[in-house]
N, C-alpha and C. Protein backbone atom coordinates (compact mmCIF):
# COMPACT_ATOMS: atom_id res chain seq x y z
N UNK A 1 -38.74 30.32 -40.99
CA UNK A 1 -38.06 29.10 -40.71
C UNK A 1 -37.54 28.98 -39.27
N UNK A 2 -37.96 27.78 -38.59
CA UNK A 2 -37.51 27.77 -37.15
C UNK A 2 -36.17 27.12 -37.17
N UNK A 3 -35.44 27.59 -36.17
CA UNK A 3 -33.99 26.86 -35.99
C UNK A 3 -34.06 25.55 -35.31
N UNK A 4 -32.88 25.04 -35.19
CA UNK A 4 -32.87 23.72 -34.27
C UNK A 4 -33.15 23.95 -32.79
N UNK A 5 -32.77 25.08 -32.40
CA UNK A 5 -32.91 25.21 -30.81
C UNK A 5 -34.28 25.73 -30.46
N UNK A 6 -35.27 25.77 -31.35
CA UNK A 6 -36.65 26.41 -31.02
C UNK A 6 -37.38 25.49 -30.20
N UNK A 7 -37.10 24.20 -30.22
CA UNK A 7 -37.89 23.28 -29.37
C UNK A 7 -37.36 22.74 -28.06
N UNK A 8 -36.16 23.44 -27.77
CA UNK A 8 -35.60 23.07 -26.47
C UNK A 8 -36.34 23.56 -25.24
N UNK A 9 -36.31 22.75 -24.16
CA UNK A 9 -36.96 23.17 -23.00
C UNK A 9 -35.98 23.59 -21.98
N UNK A 10 -35.79 24.91 -21.77
CA UNK A 10 -34.81 25.38 -20.78
C UNK A 10 -33.55 24.85 -20.78
N UNK A 11 -32.93 24.43 -21.87
CA UNK A 11 -31.47 23.97 -22.13
C UNK A 11 -31.29 22.69 -21.20
N UNK A 12 -32.28 22.00 -20.95
CA UNK A 12 -32.13 20.69 -20.25
C UNK A 12 -31.19 19.58 -20.99
N UNK A 13 -31.57 19.51 -22.33
CA UNK A 13 -30.86 18.51 -23.17
C UNK A 13 -29.34 18.68 -23.31
N UNK A 14 -28.80 19.93 -23.43
CA UNK A 14 -27.30 20.09 -23.49
C UNK A 14 -26.82 19.72 -22.08
N UNK A 15 -27.33 19.94 -21.04
CA UNK A 15 -26.93 19.58 -19.58
C UNK A 15 -26.72 18.02 -19.46
N UNK A 16 -27.70 17.25 -20.00
CA UNK A 16 -27.72 15.86 -19.95
C UNK A 16 -26.60 15.20 -20.79
N UNK A 17 -26.43 15.83 -22.03
CA UNK A 17 -25.42 15.39 -23.09
C UNK A 17 -24.02 15.66 -22.37
N UNK A 18 -23.91 16.98 -21.68
CA UNK A 18 -22.78 17.21 -21.06
C UNK A 18 -22.36 16.23 -19.81
N UNK A 19 -23.39 15.95 -19.07
CA UNK A 19 -23.00 14.82 -18.04
C UNK A 19 -22.66 13.49 -18.54
N UNK A 20 -23.44 13.12 -19.62
CA UNK A 20 -23.14 11.78 -20.27
C UNK A 20 -21.69 11.80 -20.81
N UNK A 21 -21.23 12.93 -21.50
CA UNK A 21 -19.99 13.02 -21.86
C UNK A 21 -18.92 12.95 -20.67
N UNK A 22 -19.29 13.71 -19.67
CA UNK A 22 -18.28 13.49 -18.55
C UNK A 22 -18.28 12.20 -18.00
N UNK A 23 -19.27 11.44 -17.89
CA UNK A 23 -19.28 9.97 -17.52
C UNK A 23 -18.49 9.16 -18.49
N UNK A 24 -18.57 9.41 -19.67
CA UNK A 24 -17.96 8.55 -20.66
C UNK A 24 -16.41 8.88 -20.57
N UNK A 25 -16.00 10.16 -20.28
CA UNK A 25 -14.68 10.50 -20.19
C UNK A 25 -14.02 9.78 -18.83
N UNK A 26 -14.82 9.84 -17.81
CA UNK A 26 -14.49 9.26 -16.54
C UNK A 26 -14.29 7.79 -16.72
N UNK A 27 -15.07 7.11 -17.39
CA UNK A 27 -14.90 5.68 -17.63
C UNK A 27 -13.80 5.33 -18.53
N UNK A 28 -13.52 6.17 -19.57
CA UNK A 28 -12.34 5.90 -20.36
C UNK A 28 -10.93 6.31 -19.50
N UNK A 29 -11.03 7.24 -18.72
CA UNK A 29 -9.96 7.71 -17.94
C UNK A 29 -9.50 6.36 -16.92
N UNK A 30 -10.58 5.99 -16.34
CA UNK A 30 -10.36 4.83 -15.35
C UNK A 30 -9.78 3.55 -16.11
N UNK A 31 -10.37 3.22 -17.28
CA UNK A 31 -9.88 2.19 -18.10
C UNK A 31 -8.39 2.28 -18.54
N UNK A 32 -8.25 3.55 -18.84
CA UNK A 32 -6.79 3.88 -19.27
C UNK A 32 -5.79 3.73 -18.13
N UNK A 33 -6.14 4.31 -16.91
CA UNK A 33 -5.29 4.07 -15.75
C UNK A 33 -5.21 2.62 -15.24
N UNK A 34 -6.20 1.91 -15.39
CA UNK A 34 -6.28 0.41 -15.09
C UNK A 34 -5.25 -0.41 -16.02
N UNK A 35 -5.39 -0.07 -17.23
CA UNK A 35 -4.60 -0.79 -18.23
C UNK A 35 -3.21 -0.37 -17.98
N UNK A 36 -2.82 0.98 -17.73
CA UNK A 36 -1.54 1.35 -17.62
C UNK A 36 -0.89 0.52 -16.37
N UNK A 37 -1.66 0.57 -15.04
CA UNK A 37 -1.03 -0.15 -13.95
C UNK A 37 -0.83 -1.52 -14.20
N UNK A 38 -1.82 -2.18 -14.90
CA UNK A 38 -1.72 -3.63 -15.18
C UNK A 38 -0.44 -3.87 -16.13
N UNK A 39 -0.21 -2.94 -16.99
CA UNK A 39 0.97 -3.06 -17.97
C UNK A 39 2.20 -2.89 -17.22
N UNK A 40 2.25 -2.13 -16.19
CA UNK A 40 3.59 -1.96 -15.51
C UNK A 40 3.81 -3.24 -14.55
N UNK A 41 2.79 -3.79 -14.06
CA UNK A 41 2.97 -4.95 -13.30
C UNK A 41 3.35 -6.22 -14.19
N UNK A 42 2.78 -6.22 -15.36
CA UNK A 42 3.17 -7.40 -16.28
C UNK A 42 4.59 -7.24 -16.74
N UNK A 43 4.94 -6.03 -16.99
CA UNK A 43 6.34 -5.53 -17.34
C UNK A 43 7.38 -6.06 -16.24
N UNK A 44 7.06 -5.75 -14.95
CA UNK A 44 7.98 -6.17 -13.82
C UNK A 44 7.95 -7.72 -13.90
N UNK A 45 6.89 -8.47 -14.10
CA UNK A 45 6.72 -9.86 -14.11
C UNK A 45 7.74 -10.44 -15.30
N UNK A 46 7.73 -9.93 -16.43
CA UNK A 46 8.34 -10.29 -17.59
C UNK A 46 9.94 -10.17 -17.30
N UNK A 47 10.36 -9.00 -16.66
CA UNK A 47 11.71 -8.79 -16.39
C UNK A 47 12.19 -9.87 -15.37
N UNK A 48 11.37 -10.20 -14.34
CA UNK A 48 11.73 -11.22 -13.31
C UNK A 48 11.99 -12.55 -14.02
N UNK A 49 11.02 -12.99 -14.82
CA UNK A 49 10.97 -14.24 -15.58
C UNK A 49 12.29 -14.26 -16.53
N UNK A 50 12.59 -13.21 -17.13
CA UNK A 50 13.79 -13.12 -18.16
C UNK A 50 15.08 -13.18 -17.16
N UNK A 51 15.13 -12.55 -16.10
CA UNK A 51 16.28 -12.90 -15.27
C UNK A 51 16.36 -14.23 -14.73
N UNK A 52 15.25 -14.74 -14.44
CA UNK A 52 15.18 -16.17 -13.90
C UNK A 52 15.66 -17.21 -15.03
N UNK A 53 15.27 -16.91 -16.23
CA UNK A 53 15.61 -17.77 -17.45
C UNK A 53 17.11 -17.63 -17.68
N UNK A 54 17.74 -16.51 -17.53
CA UNK A 54 19.13 -16.17 -17.84
C UNK A 54 19.91 -16.85 -16.72
N UNK A 55 19.48 -16.90 -15.39
CA UNK A 55 20.13 -17.75 -14.29
C UNK A 55 20.04 -19.13 -14.57
N UNK A 56 18.97 -19.67 -15.16
CA UNK A 56 18.78 -21.05 -15.43
C UNK A 56 19.74 -21.43 -16.48
N UNK A 57 19.87 -20.62 -17.49
CA UNK A 57 20.63 -20.87 -18.56
C UNK A 57 22.19 -20.82 -18.19
N UNK A 58 22.58 -20.03 -17.35
CA UNK A 58 23.89 -19.99 -16.83
C UNK A 58 24.20 -21.26 -16.07
N UNK A 59 23.33 -21.64 -15.22
CA UNK A 59 23.50 -22.80 -14.44
C UNK A 59 23.60 -24.32 -15.38
N UNK A 60 22.80 -24.16 -16.50
CA UNK A 60 22.82 -25.17 -17.39
C UNK A 60 24.07 -25.22 -18.00
N UNK A 61 24.59 -24.14 -18.36
CA UNK A 61 25.86 -24.05 -19.18
C UNK A 61 27.03 -24.56 -18.13
N UNK A 62 26.99 -24.23 -16.98
CA UNK A 62 27.89 -24.84 -16.01
C UNK A 62 27.80 -26.26 -15.78
N UNK A 63 26.73 -26.86 -15.81
CA UNK A 63 26.52 -28.24 -15.70
C UNK A 63 27.17 -28.92 -16.85
N UNK A 64 26.82 -28.39 -18.06
CA UNK A 64 27.34 -28.95 -19.38
C UNK A 64 28.79 -28.92 -19.43
N UNK A 65 29.42 -27.98 -18.74
CA UNK A 65 30.92 -27.83 -18.74
C UNK A 65 31.45 -28.93 -17.87
N UNK A 66 30.75 -29.23 -16.80
CA UNK A 66 31.32 -30.27 -15.91
C UNK A 66 31.14 -31.51 -16.53
N UNK A 67 30.16 -31.83 -17.12
CA UNK A 67 29.90 -33.18 -17.76
C UNK A 67 30.63 -33.25 -19.08
């Protein structure tokens, strides 16, 4: 009975699979890094908008007290 590795030509297929896996890992790592940096920027923007909303609410409260 012939094993699975009997038809391989010089080990070329595993190296191609290895290169393909490295490419997939590189793409996933780039996507993860990109998403992480975008999330950090969006968190900063949300914090800025929350502080702006708080200042607006305080100003609105002052105006209501005057009137």
